Amino acid sequence: MNLDTGMAWIHADQSKSRKAFAVPLNEDARSVLIEQQGQHPDYCFTYQGEPVDRTTTKAWYNALKRAGISDFRWYDLRHLGTYRTEPVCMN
């Protein structure tokens, strides 16, 4: 991850397609990651000192419920992220 350029890299062994690719980070994402710096020597997101390695847990679903989100799907975030990072062109 390079916060200066605003790009995160997904390594080939971490991607479904087995190909490495870059993911642009918007300003909100960069701010969150900068805020997390120094909290743990190896991981961005932890809970009680352990890396967060899955989000389909009871705690996750309780958080969605508290936020009033009833129809959440991870797949939808791919499209939302792309939509929010595309430049708006006006002709």
Foldseek 3Di string as FASTA:
>chain_A
DDLVQQKDKDALVRDPVSHIDIDGHDPVRSVLQVVQPPVAPPESDDDPNHHDDDQPDPVNVVVCVVVVHDDDDPVVVVVVSVVVPDDDDDD
